[in-house]
Every structure is written in structure tokens, then in C-alpha cells.
């Protein structure tokens, strides 16, 4: 009996060996290595796939010509639980600030140290702030420390919002923000063999300022004394967990790409396969509306009910109730990103607080022509394009809007290069193995 069992074991072993062999002339497939990662990205929530009608509700304003209701299927994706806060956006601007010192100002070696895996986008050096000084007094505005060589080299150079360098009002995104990604494109372009094209034809370069416009609290409202908000909203620690404002669609898109590259660097250090890594972007208008409904069908507001107050009479969002009683909902301007109750998906402030940028281009006639699977309409407007091509869909309503604009189905627009005190954003990422593009 032992010999019989031995023969069976050997035959089965040979059979499996032959099945795994690629030398038998049979099509077996080349499978990618699977990476088990059930962890939801930090600060995000999982939005499950679904099939639901999206579009107009039972209330409309005269001549708005809102899109009709349309049955739509949406793939799974991740979405930020809250709007991007001042503290989170400051991580982005600080990275750009350090890049200016390292790349464009020629930061002296005594102020830098080698980055470890996952600490930078491309493994480059970064600033050692212990040597620089707690507030960067030895770098910005000339400094008065003992490092005279550094002070002489950086004298007169400073960072204060858009004035990144003397006489230069904008930051070169190609060199500072996306340097790692664009270097890859440079290398790919060098290998092309078309004699009639140039390497520059394969590289997309553009410039965008990254610092929020803190003056929007004055410029948005004529004859309004909002000076305290100008001075402290973005920089005071009391507002760290408030939504960032004064950020254009272009800046929000730059943030999303920087966030993707930051994650890619850490993922590469952890040896996460490329097909399991995340890319961040702005949500489409469809993504936003679907997530705002929280899995409920034809709900008027993110909290599910048809009314803007709960059973106790409490307002459910930060907006402008009645004829302008801004304070009755608990906030005169914006409030913290974790204020009020989340919807059934766990998302905060999908209506009110700040309206939010989407990647969708605004075009009323596009709706009926879109596909019913992950529909979206995008257009990357150039600098010289008409202003009508620069309109982007804005969703959710804000602290200064009336209740109508808080409805899930309502969309407005703003020009992609405009910065407002009532518009912020949040990011989404496709669930691995799916796509958010049709």
C-alpha cells in the first residue's frame, strides 16, 4: 500500500509540473503579481460602486435649465472624508518653499541632508531645519545668523506667497513640483526617432502659482470689512483644520498631482506594485453627486432628508439661512472640516461650508450626450482659450449660499483661474482594478 501511495504522489507531482510549464505550446497567460492591500488610504473613505439616477430634483430655480435625471452606473473609488484643510495644503506649499531654496536659490550644503526613501519625490536632498533655524531666519529675507556665506548668497530672496523670488510672480511647476515626473518624460522623449519633431514636443510645461490668495476675503466682497480673515485665516493655527480657500482649479489640480507623486515615492520604497498604487485627482461632478447622496436614491441633500433642518430644528450645514442670518447655523464664515454630521458614506460637508472644485468642464448641453457609465466631460483650457472654455463645475454650495445651492443635483461654475473665499476642494482616487474614466 505504501508503494501505491508513493506512485500516486509522484504522478500528481509530475502532472502539476507539466501544467505550470510554458514549454508545452499552450496559452497559459502572463499574470501580474497580486498585492493584497485592503487598507483604505489615510483620511479617505471607500465609495462602493452603484447604479442610481443622478440629476435634477423636485426643486429648481427659474430658467436654470439644469440637466434631467439620468440613470447612471459609477465604479468604486476612494474620496477624502473632508475638504482639504489649511494644514494639509500648507504641506504642499512648504514643499514648494523648500524646493525654491534647494533648486533655485542654491541652498548651501550645510543646510541640507540626504532624503530617505519615501521622504521626497525623487530621492533628492531636503532642508535640515534644525540647522537652518526654527523659523528659517537663516534663509528667508536674508537672515541674521552666523552663516554669513549663506546669508550673502540668499540676501534679498524671500518667500511670501506669489512673490517667490524678486521679480518673479510665479513658481515654475516643471522645476519645483513635478520635477520627478517631468524628468521621466524628458528621458522618454530623448529616445524618439522622428527627425521632424523636437524633444520639447513631448513635454507639457506650464506655470502655476501655488500659494492661496489670502486677499480673497476682501476682493470677493465689496465694502466688507473682513480684514481679520485676510491676516489670519491661512496662517493662524486656529484655522489649521478649516478648509483651504483662495485656491483656483489650477492650483487644486497641481496639489492633486503633487500628492500623487508624493505617494508614488513612498509606495516605491515599500515595493508596492505599480498597478496597486494610487493616483489622486479632483472628482468629476458625477463622482461628487453620487458620493454626496450617500447611497440613497433621489435624496435632496447629503443627509438624506428633504429638509434642511433635523427633527430638533437644528440646521444641518453651514450656509446662509433665511435672509442672511449667517450665525444661526453655528458659523459666520467657514467652520472646521469635521463639523456637522457626515452622510451615510462618512463624508463631511458635502453641502455647505465651502463649494468644491470638480474636474468636469461646465457645459449644459453635454449632459444628454454623456455615457451612462462613469460619465464626465473634461476640457483642459489653455491660456489663450476663451473664458467660456475655462469654466469648471463647482458642487456643494458654500457658507455664503442659500439653501437651494446645497442640493445634491445643483451645479454652478467658476473660471479655472479664479480664486474665491468660498471654494475649496477634496481629492478622489480610483479603487485599484477599476477606473473613473469612461
Protein backbone atom coordinates (compact mmCIF):
# COMPACT_ATOMS: atom_id res chain seq x y z
CA UNK A 1 0.00 0.00 0.00
CA UNK A 2 2.88 2.39 0.76
CA UNK A 3 4.28 1.83 -2.76
CA UNK A 4 0.92 2.61 -4.35
CA UNK A 5 0.64 5.88 -2.43
CA UNK A 6 4.16 6.77 -3.48
CA UNK A 7 3.37 6.22 -7.16
CA UNK A 8 0.22 8.36 -6.92
CA UNK A 9 2.15 11.19 -5.25
CA UNK A 10 4.83 11.17 -7.92
CA UNK A 11 2.31 11.15 -10.78
CA UNK A 12 0.38 14.04 -9.31
CA UNK A 13 3.60 16.00 -8.86
CA UNK A 14 4.56 15.47 -12.48
CA UNK A 15 1.08 16.49 -13.62
CA UNK A 16 1.24 19.81 -11.76
CA UNK A 17 4.74 20.45 -13.00
CA UNK A 18 3.59 19.99 -16.59
CA UNK A 19 0.63 22.36 -16.05
CA UNK A 20 2.92 25.10 -14.79
CA UNK A 21 5.35 24.77 -17.64
CA UNK A 22 5.31 27.27 -20.51
CA UNK A 23 7.09 24.92 -22.90
CA UNK A 24 4.08 22.87 -23.92
CA UNK A 25 2.92 25.32 -26.59
CA UNK A 26 -0.31 26.14 -24.74
CA UNK A 27 -1.57 29.62 -23.88
CA UNK A 28 -1.21 29.99 -20.11
CA UNK A 29 -1.23 33.78 -19.65
CA UNK A 30 1.27 36.12 -18.02
CA UNK A 31 -0.23 37.18 -14.71
CA UNK A 32 0.83 40.21 -12.71
CA UNK A 33 1.85 39.75 -9.11
CA UNK A 34 -1.10 40.31 -6.82
CA UNK A 35 -0.76 42.75 -3.95
CA UNK A 36 -3.22 42.37 -1.11
CA UNK A 37 -3.95 45.79 0.33
CA UNK A 38 -7.35 46.17 1.97
CA UNK A 39 -6.34 49.35 3.76
CA UNK A 40 -8.34 52.47 2.92
CA UNK A 41 -5.97 55.42 2.28
CA UNK A 42 -5.47 57.71 5.25
CA UNK A 43 -8.16 60.37 5.51
CA UNK A 44 -10.31 58.82 2.77
CA UNK A 45 -13.42 56.65 2.69
CA UNK A 46 -14.42 53.88 0.31
CA UNK A 47 -17.31 54.73 -2.01
CA UNK A 48 -18.84 51.46 -3.29
CA UNK A 49 -19.99 51.01 -6.90
CA UNK A 50 -23.64 51.58 -7.63
CA UNK A 51 -26.45 52.27 -10.05
CA UNK A 52 -28.65 55.26 -9.32
CA UNK A 53 -30.42 58.18 -11.01
CA UNK A 54 -28.40 61.38 -10.90
CA UNK A 55 -29.56 64.83 -11.92
CA UNK A 56 -32.43 67.23 -11.31
CA UNK A 57 -34.55 67.02 -8.16
CA UNK A 58 -38.01 68.36 -7.48
CA UNK A 59 -36.93 71.94 -6.83
CA UNK A 60 -35.40 74.30 -9.36
CA UNK A 61 -34.94 77.99 -9.94
CA UNK A 62 -36.40 79.77 -12.94
CA UNK A 63 -34.53 79.34 -16.21
CA UNK A 64 -31.68 77.33 -14.64
CA UNK A 65 -32.01 74.66 -17.37
CA UNK A 66 -30.50 72.03 -15.10
CA UNK A 67 -29.77 68.62 -16.58
CA UNK A 68 -32.53 66.00 -16.43
CA UNK A 69 -32.36 62.98 -14.18
CA UNK A 70 -30.37 60.14 -15.72
CA UNK A 71 -29.77 56.57 -14.56
CA UNK A 72 -26.02 56.20 -14.06
CA UNK A 73 -23.56 53.49 -13.04
CA UNK A 74 -20.50 54.50 -11.00
CA UNK A 75 -17.36 52.46 -10.30
CA UNK A 76 -15.90 52.21 -6.82
CA UNK A 77 -13.45 54.88 -5.69
CA UNK A 78 -11.88 56.49 -2.64
CA UNK A 79 -12.77 60.03 -1.59
CA UNK A 80 -11.36 62.41 1.02
CA UNK A 81 -13.54 62.34 4.09
CA UNK A 82 -13.28 66.12 4.41
CA UNK A 83 -12.32 69.13 2.36
CA UNK A 84 -8.57 69.71 2.10
CA UNK A 85 -7.64 71.76 5.15
CA UNK A 86 -5.23 74.67 5.54
CA UNK A 87 -2.74 72.37 7.31
CA UNK A 88 -2.86 69.78 4.51
CA UNK A 89 -2.45 72.39 1.80
CA UNK A 90 0.38 74.00 3.78
CA UNK A 91 2.33 70.75 3.47
CA UNK A 92 2.20 71.34 -0.29
CA UNK A 93 3.29 74.99 -0.14
CA UNK A 94 6.07 74.15 2.33
CA UNK A 95 7.37 71.55 -0.10
CA UNK A 96 7.44 74.16 -2.85
CA UNK A 97 9.13 76.61 -0.49
CA UNK A 98 11.86 74.11 0.25
CA UNK A 99 12.19 73.35 -3.44
CA UNK A 100 12.83 77.03 -4.14
CA UNK A 101 15.61 77.09 -1.58
CA UNK A 102 17.16 73.88 -2.90
CA UNK A 103 16.73 74.27 -6.65
CA UNK A 104 16.56 77.95 -7.44
CA UNK A 105 18.38 79.58 -4.53
CA UNK A 106 21.23 77.10 -4.34
CA UNK A 107 20.81 76.10 -0.72
CA UNK A 108 24.28 75.66 0.88
CA UNK A 109 25.24 72.10 1.74
CA UNK A 110 25.43 72.80 5.48
CA UNK A 111 21.66 73.37 5.50
CA UNK A 112 20.69 70.14 3.72
CA UNK A 113 20.72 66.40 4.33
CA UNK A 114 20.08 63.40 2.14
CA UNK A 115 16.46 62.30 1.91
CA UNK A 116 15.49 58.78 2.88
CA UNK A 117 13.13 56.63 0.84
CA UNK A 118 9.63 57.98 0.94
CA UNK A 119 10.64 61.43 2.22
CA UNK A 120 10.87 63.12 -1.17
CA UNK A 121 9.65 62.64 -4.71
CA UNK A 122 12.93 61.60 -6.30
CA UNK A 123 15.36 60.83 -3.50
CA UNK A 124 16.86 64.32 -3.67
CA UNK A 125 18.21 66.30 -0.73
CA UNK A 126 15.95 68.26 1.54
CA UNK A 127 16.38 71.05 4.09
CA UNK A 128 17.58 70.27 7.61
CA UNK A 129 15.51 72.79 9.54
CA UNK A 130 17.41 72.14 12.76
CA UNK A 131 20.44 73.72 11.13
CA UNK A 132 18.52 76.44 9.36
CA UNK A 133 16.67 77.66 12.41
CA UNK A 134 13.16 77.14 13.73
CA UNK A 135 11.60 79.89 11.62
CA UNK A 136 14.03 79.75 8.73
CA UNK A 137 15.65 83.01 9.78
CA UNK A 138 18.90 81.99 8.09
CA UNK A 139 17.22 81.57 4.70
CA UNK A 140 14.28 83.86 4.13
CA UNK A 141 14.68 87.63 3.95
CA UNK A 142 18.45 87.48 4.24
CA UNK A 143 18.67 86.21 7.82
CA UNK A 144 20.98 87.49 10.54
CA UNK A 145 22.57 84.26 11.71
CA UNK A 146 26.23 83.33 11.85
CA UNK A 147 26.16 81.59 8.47
CA UNK A 148 27.41 84.61 6.56
CA UNK A 149 28.10 82.66 3.37
CA UNK A 150 24.51 81.54 3.17
CA UNK A 151 23.24 85.00 4.03
CA UNK A 152 25.28 86.58 1.27
CA UNK A 153 24.10 84.02 -1.25
CA UNK A 154 20.41 84.31 -0.32
CA UNK A 155 20.36 88.00 0.54
CA UNK A 156 17.20 89.71 -0.67
CA UNK A 157 15.49 86.48 -1.63
CA UNK A 158 12.33 85.70 0.23
CA UNK A 159 9.12 83.71 0.05
CA UNK A 160 5.82 85.46 0.64
CA UNK A 161 3.01 83.91 -1.31
CA UNK A 162 3.13 84.66 -5.02
CA UNK A 163 6.34 86.69 -4.69
CA UNK A 164 8.51 83.60 -4.57
CA UNK A 165 11.55 85.40 -5.98
CA UNK A 166 12.29 89.05 -6.67
CA UNK A 167 10.70 89.99 -9.98
CA UNK A 168 9.18 86.54 -10.45
CA UNK A 169 5.49 86.30 -9.64
CA UNK A 170 5.02 82.60 -10.35
CA UNK A 171 6.66 79.32 -9.47
CA UNK A 172 7.93 77.10 -12.26
CA UNK A 173 5.96 73.93 -11.66
CA UNK A 174 8.12 71.96 -14.10
CA UNK A 175 11.23 72.52 -11.98
CA UNK A 176 9.78 72.52 -8.49
CA UNK A 177 6.61 70.49 -8.19
CA UNK A 178 6.63 67.84 -10.86
CA UNK A 179 10.39 67.60 -11.33
CA UNK A 180 10.45 63.85 -10.84
CA UNK A 181 7.59 63.23 -13.27
CA UNK A 182 8.90 65.60 -15.90
CA UNK A 183 12.39 64.16 -15.71
CA UNK A 184 10.86 60.84 -16.65
CA UNK A 185 9.15 62.47 -19.61
CA UNK A 186 12.45 64.06 -20.63
CA UNK A 187 14.15 60.69 -20.70
CA UNK A 188 11.33 59.13 -22.69
CA UNK A 189 11.40 61.96 -25.20
CA UNK A 190 15.13 61.63 -25.87
CA UNK A 191 14.57 58.20 -27.37
CA UNK A 192 12.19 59.28 -30.12
CA UNK A 193 13.44 58.85 -33.69
CA UNK A 194 11.19 61.18 -35.62
CA UNK A 195 13.56 63.64 -37.36
CA UNK A 196 10.75 66.15 -37.89
CA UNK A 197 9.88 66.57 -34.21
CA UNK A 198 11.63 68.07 -31.25
CA UNK A 199 12.05 66.72 -27.75
CA UNK A 200 10.03 69.67 -26.43
CA UNK A 201 7.01 68.41 -28.37
CA UNK A 202 6.72 65.52 -25.93
CA UNK A 203 6.84 67.62 -22.77
CA UNK A 204 3.90 69.53 -21.36
CA UNK A 205 5.14 72.57 -19.45
CA UNK A 206 3.08 75.15 -17.63
CA UNK A 207 3.45 77.53 -14.73
CA UNK A 208 1.09 77.93 -11.80
CA UNK A 209 1.31 79.81 -8.51
CA UNK A 210 0.62 77.55 -5.54
CA UNK A 211 0.14 79.92 -2.62
CA UNK A 212 -3.52 80.68 -1.76
CA UNK A 213 -4.74 84.21 -2.40
CA UNK A 214 -5.40 85.43 1.14
CA UNK A 215 -6.87 88.70 -0.13
CA UNK A 216 -9.99 86.98 -1.47
CA UNK A 217 -11.74 87.78 1.80
CA UNK A 218 -11.59 91.43 0.72
CA UNK A 219 -11.84 91.20 -3.06
CA UNK A 220 -14.87 88.88 -3.07
CA UNK A 221 -16.98 91.29 -1.03
CA UNK A 222 -17.06 94.97 -1.89
CA UNK A 223 -17.39 97.32 1.10
CA UNK A 224 -16.96 94.46 3.57
CA UNK A 225 -14.55 94.61 6.48
CA UNK A 226 -13.06 91.12 6.56
CA UNK A 227 -9.53 92.16 7.49
CA UNK A 228 -9.13 89.60 10.32
CA UNK A 229 -9.76 86.80 7.83
CA UNK A 230 -7.14 88.25 5.48
CA UNK A 231 -4.48 88.33 8.15
CA UNK A 232 -5.07 85.04 9.89
CA UNK A 233 -7.18 82.51 8.01
CA UNK A 234 -4.42 80.61 6.21
CA UNK A 235 -1.56 81.18 8.65
CA UNK A 236 -3.06 81.20 12.15
CA UNK A 237 -3.02 77.79 13.95
CA UNK A 238 -6.65 78.27 14.99
CA UNK A 239 -7.64 77.71 11.36
CA UNK A 240 -5.40 74.71 10.63
CA UNK A 241 -8.38 72.34 10.37
CA UNK A 242 -10.55 74.74 8.36
CA UNK A 243 -10.96 74.22 4.61
CA UNK A 244 -8.39 75.95 2.44
CA UNK A 245 -9.85 78.70 0.23
CA UNK A 246 -8.41 81.18 -2.24
CA UNK A 247 -7.26 78.24 -4.35
CA UNK A 248 -8.02 78.11 -8.07
CA UNK A 249 -8.91 74.99 -10.03
CA UNK A 250 -5.39 75.02 -11.48
CA UNK A 251 -3.88 75.10 -8.00
CA UNK A 252 -6.16 72.30 -6.80
CA UNK A 253 -5.13 70.19 -9.80
CA UNK A 254 -1.46 70.89 -9.06
CA UNK A 255 -1.99 69.79 -5.46
CA UNK A 256 -3.57 66.52 -6.62
CA UNK A 257 -0.65 65.74 -8.92
CA UNK A 258 1.90 66.60 -6.23
CA UNK A 259 0.01 64.36 -3.80
CA UNK A 260 0.14 61.53 -6.33
CA UNK A 261 3.90 61.90 -6.77
CA UNK A 262 4.41 62.08 -3.00
CA UNK A 263 2.52 58.81 -2.59
CA UNK A 264 4.33 57.18 -5.52
CA UNK A 265 7.68 57.84 -3.86
CA UNK A 266 6.59 56.20 -0.62
CA UNK A 267 4.91 53.31 -2.47
CA UNK A 268 8.08 52.63 -4.44
CA UNK A 269 10.06 52.48 -1.19
CA UNK A 270 7.57 49.93 0.16
CA UNK A 271 7.83 47.96 -3.10
CA UNK A 272 4.13 48.27 -3.81
CA UNK A 273 3.50 47.15 -7.43
CA UNK A 274 2.73 49.94 -9.88
CA UNK A 275 -0.70 48.50 -10.68
CA UNK A 276 -1.65 48.73 -6.98
CA UNK A 277 -0.58 52.34 -6.44
CA UNK A 278 -3.00 55.23 -6.20
CA UNK A 279 -3.28 58.41 -8.25
CA UNK A 280 -5.15 61.38 -6.85
CA UNK A 281 -7.28 63.81 -8.83
CA UNK A 282 -10.25 66.11 -8.47
CA UNK A 283 -13.62 64.32 -8.52
CA UNK A 284 -15.87 64.57 -11.52
CA UNK A 285 -19.24 66.22 -10.97
CA UNK A 286 -20.81 62.76 -11.21
CA UNK A 287 -18.43 61.34 -8.59
CA UNK A 288 -19.24 64.21 -6.27
CA UNK A 289 -23.02 63.94 -6.61
CA UNK A 290 -23.00 60.16 -6.28
CA UNK A 291 -20.85 60.32 -3.13
CA UNK A 292 -22.93 63.18 -1.68
CA UNK A 293 -26.11 61.08 -1.88
CA UNK A 294 -24.54 58.52 0.44
CA UNK A 295 -26.02 55.50 -1.30
CA UNK A 296 -29.57 56.85 -1.12
CA UNK A 297 -31.74 57.31 -4.22
CA UNK A 298 -33.04 60.74 -5.21
CA UNK A 299 -32.19 62.37 -1.92
CA UNK A 300 -32.35 66.13 -1.96
CA UNK A 301 -29.48 66.78 0.48
CA UNK A 302 -26.45 64.71 1.60
CA UNK A 303 -28.03 63.99 4.98
CA UNK A 304 -30.85 62.15 3.21
CA UNK A 305 -33.93 64.10 4.18
CA UNK A 306 -35.92 66.62 2.17
CA UNK A 307 -35.46 69.33 4.79
CA UNK A 308 -32.50 71.50 5.73
CA UNK A 309 -33.21 71.13 9.48
CA UNK A 310 -33.40 67.98 11.54
CA UNK A 311 -36.25 66.93 13.84
CA UNK A 312 -34.89 69.16 16.62
CA UNK A 313 -34.83 72.20 14.36
CA UNK A 314 -31.04 72.29 14.05
CA UNK A 315 -29.53 73.33 10.72
CA UNK A 316 -27.62 70.52 9.03
CA UNK A 317 -24.94 72.53 7.19
CA UNK A 318 -23.05 75.81 7.08
CA UNK A 319 -24.79 78.17 4.64
CA UNK A 320 -26.83 81.40 4.60
CA UNK A 321 -30.23 80.65 6.16
CA UNK A 322 -33.23 82.87 5.70
CA UNK A 323 -32.42 86.39 4.65
CA UNK A 324 -28.82 86.39 5.79
CA UNK A 325 -28.55 85.09 9.36
CA UNK A 326 -25.07 83.67 8.85
CA UNK A 327 -24.54 82.81 12.51
CA UNK A 328 -27.65 80.68 13.13
CA UNK A 329 -26.01 77.53 11.75
CA UNK A 330 -23.00 77.81 14.05
CA UNK A 331 -20.56 79.55 11.73
CA UNK A 332 -20.39 83.04 10.27
CA UNK A 333 -17.69 82.17 7.78
CA UNK A 334 -16.30 78.66 7.26
CA UNK A 335 -16.20 76.05 10.03
CA UNK A 336 -13.87 73.13 10.75
CA UNK A 337 -13.78 70.32 8.20
CA UNK A 338 -15.25 67.81 10.71
CA UNK A 339 -18.25 69.98 11.60
CA UNK A 340 -21.85 68.73 11.40
CA UNK A 341 -22.85 65.12 10.85
CA UNK A 342 -21.36 63.08 7.98
CA UNK A 343 -23.56 61.45 5.35
CA UNK A 344 -24.10 57.69 5.14
CA UNK A 345 -20.73 57.20 3.43
CA UNK A 346 -18.95 59.06 6.24
CA UNK A 347 -18.25 62.20 4.20
CA UNK A 348 -18.32 65.58 5.93
CA UNK A 349 -19.65 68.84 4.47
CA UNK A 350 -20.66 67.56 1.06
CA UNK A 351 -23.05 70.51 1.18
CA UNK A 352 -22.21 73.88 2.67
CA UNK A 353 -19.03 75.21 4.30
CA UNK A 354 -17.17 75.63 1.00
CA UNK A 355 -18.23 74.79 -2.52
CA UNK A 356 -15.80 72.39 -4.19
CA UNK A 357 -13.97 72.22 -7.49
CA UNK A 358 -14.54 69.25 -9.80
CA UNK A 359 -12.55 68.26 -12.87
CA UNK A 360 -15.69 68.48 -15.05
CA UNK A 361 -15.90 71.27 -17.61
CA UNK A 362 -19.12 73.26 -17.43
CA UNK A 363 -21.34 72.74 -20.47
CA UNK A 364 -25.12 72.47 -20.13
CA UNK A 365 -25.52 70.69 -23.44
CA UNK A 366 -23.03 67.92 -22.57
CA UNK A 367 -25.25 66.02 -20.11
CA UNK A 368 -27.62 64.23 -22.51
CA UNK A 369 -24.71 63.14 -24.72
CA UNK A 370 -22.60 61.56 -21.98
CA UNK A 371 -22.32 57.83 -21.44
CA UNK A 372 -24.27 56.31 -18.57
CA UNK A 373 -21.15 54.58 -17.17
CA UNK A 374 -18.88 56.92 -15.16
CA UNK A 375 -19.91 59.96 -17.22
CA UNK A 376 -17.74 63.05 -17.26
CA UNK A 377 -16.90 65.90 -19.58
CA UNK A 378 -13.45 67.47 -19.40
CA UNK A 379 -11.57 70.11 -21.30
CA UNK A 380 -8.10 71.41 -20.44
CA UNK A 381 -8.34 75.06 -21.36
CA UNK A 382 -5.17 76.81 -22.45
CA UNK A 383 -4.06 80.29 -21.51
CA UNK A 384 -5.36 81.81 -24.74
CA UNK A 385 -8.70 79.94 -24.80
CA UNK A 386 -11.98 81.76 -24.44
CA UNK A 387 -13.15 82.32 -20.88
CA UNK A 388 -16.18 80.16 -21.63
CA UNK A 389 -13.86 77.19 -22.13
CA UNK A 390 -12.29 77.81 -18.73
CA UNK A 391 -15.48 77.19 -16.76
CA UNK A 392 -15.35 74.27 -14.30
CA UNK A 393 -18.26 72.72 -12.43
CA UNK A 394 -18.49 73.64 -8.75
CA UNK A 395 -20.61 71.50 -6.41
CA UNK A 396 -21.93 71.57 -2.86
CA UNK A 397 -22.73 75.20 -2.10
CA UNK A 398 -20.87 77.27 0.47
CA UNK A 399 -21.17 79.26 3.68
CA UNK A 400 -22.41 82.30 1.73
CA UNK A 401 -25.01 80.47 -0.43
CA UNK A 402 -28.71 79.97 0.14
CA UNK A 403 -30.19 76.53 0.75
CA UNK A 404 -31.02 75.88 -2.90
CA UNK A 405 -27.35 75.50 -3.83
CA UNK A 406 -26.84 72.80 -1.18
CA UNK A 407 -28.92 70.29 -3.16
CA UNK A 408 -27.08 67.25 -4.46
CA UNK A 409 -28.19 67.84 -8.03
CA UNK A 410 -27.32 71.55 -8.26
CA UNK A 411 -24.17 72.59 -10.12
CA UNK A 412 -22.68 76.02 -10.68
CA UNK A 413 -19.42 77.08 -12.29
CA UNK A 414 -16.34 79.21 -11.81
CA UNK A 415 -13.42 80.03 -14.09
CA UNK A 416 -10.44 77.74 -13.57
CA UNK A 417 -8.01 80.58 -12.85
CA UNK A 418 -10.22 82.32 -10.27
CA UNK A 419 -9.61 82.14 -6.51
CA UNK A 420 -12.56 82.55 -4.16
CA UNK A 421 -13.11 82.72 -0.41
CA UNK A 422 -15.93 80.20 -0.69
CA UNK A 423 -14.44 77.49 -2.95
CA UNK A 424 -12.20 74.65 -1.77
CA UNK A 425 -11.71 71.06 -2.91
CA UNK A 426 -11.12 67.44 -1.99
CA UNK A 427 -9.48 64.57 -3.89
CA UNK A 428 -10.54 61.14 -5.10
CA UNK A 429 -8.63 58.09 -6.23
CA UNK A 430 -9.76 55.17 -8.34
CA UNK A 431 -10.12 51.89 -6.48
CA UNK A 432 -7.33 49.55 -7.70
CA UNK A 433 -8.60 47.43 -10.58
CA UNK A 434 -11.23 49.98 -11.64
CA UNK A 435 -11.26 53.30 -13.42
CA UNK A 436 -13.25 56.51 -13.03
CA UNK A 437 -12.94 57.37 -16.70
CA UNK A 438 -15.30 56.23 -19.42
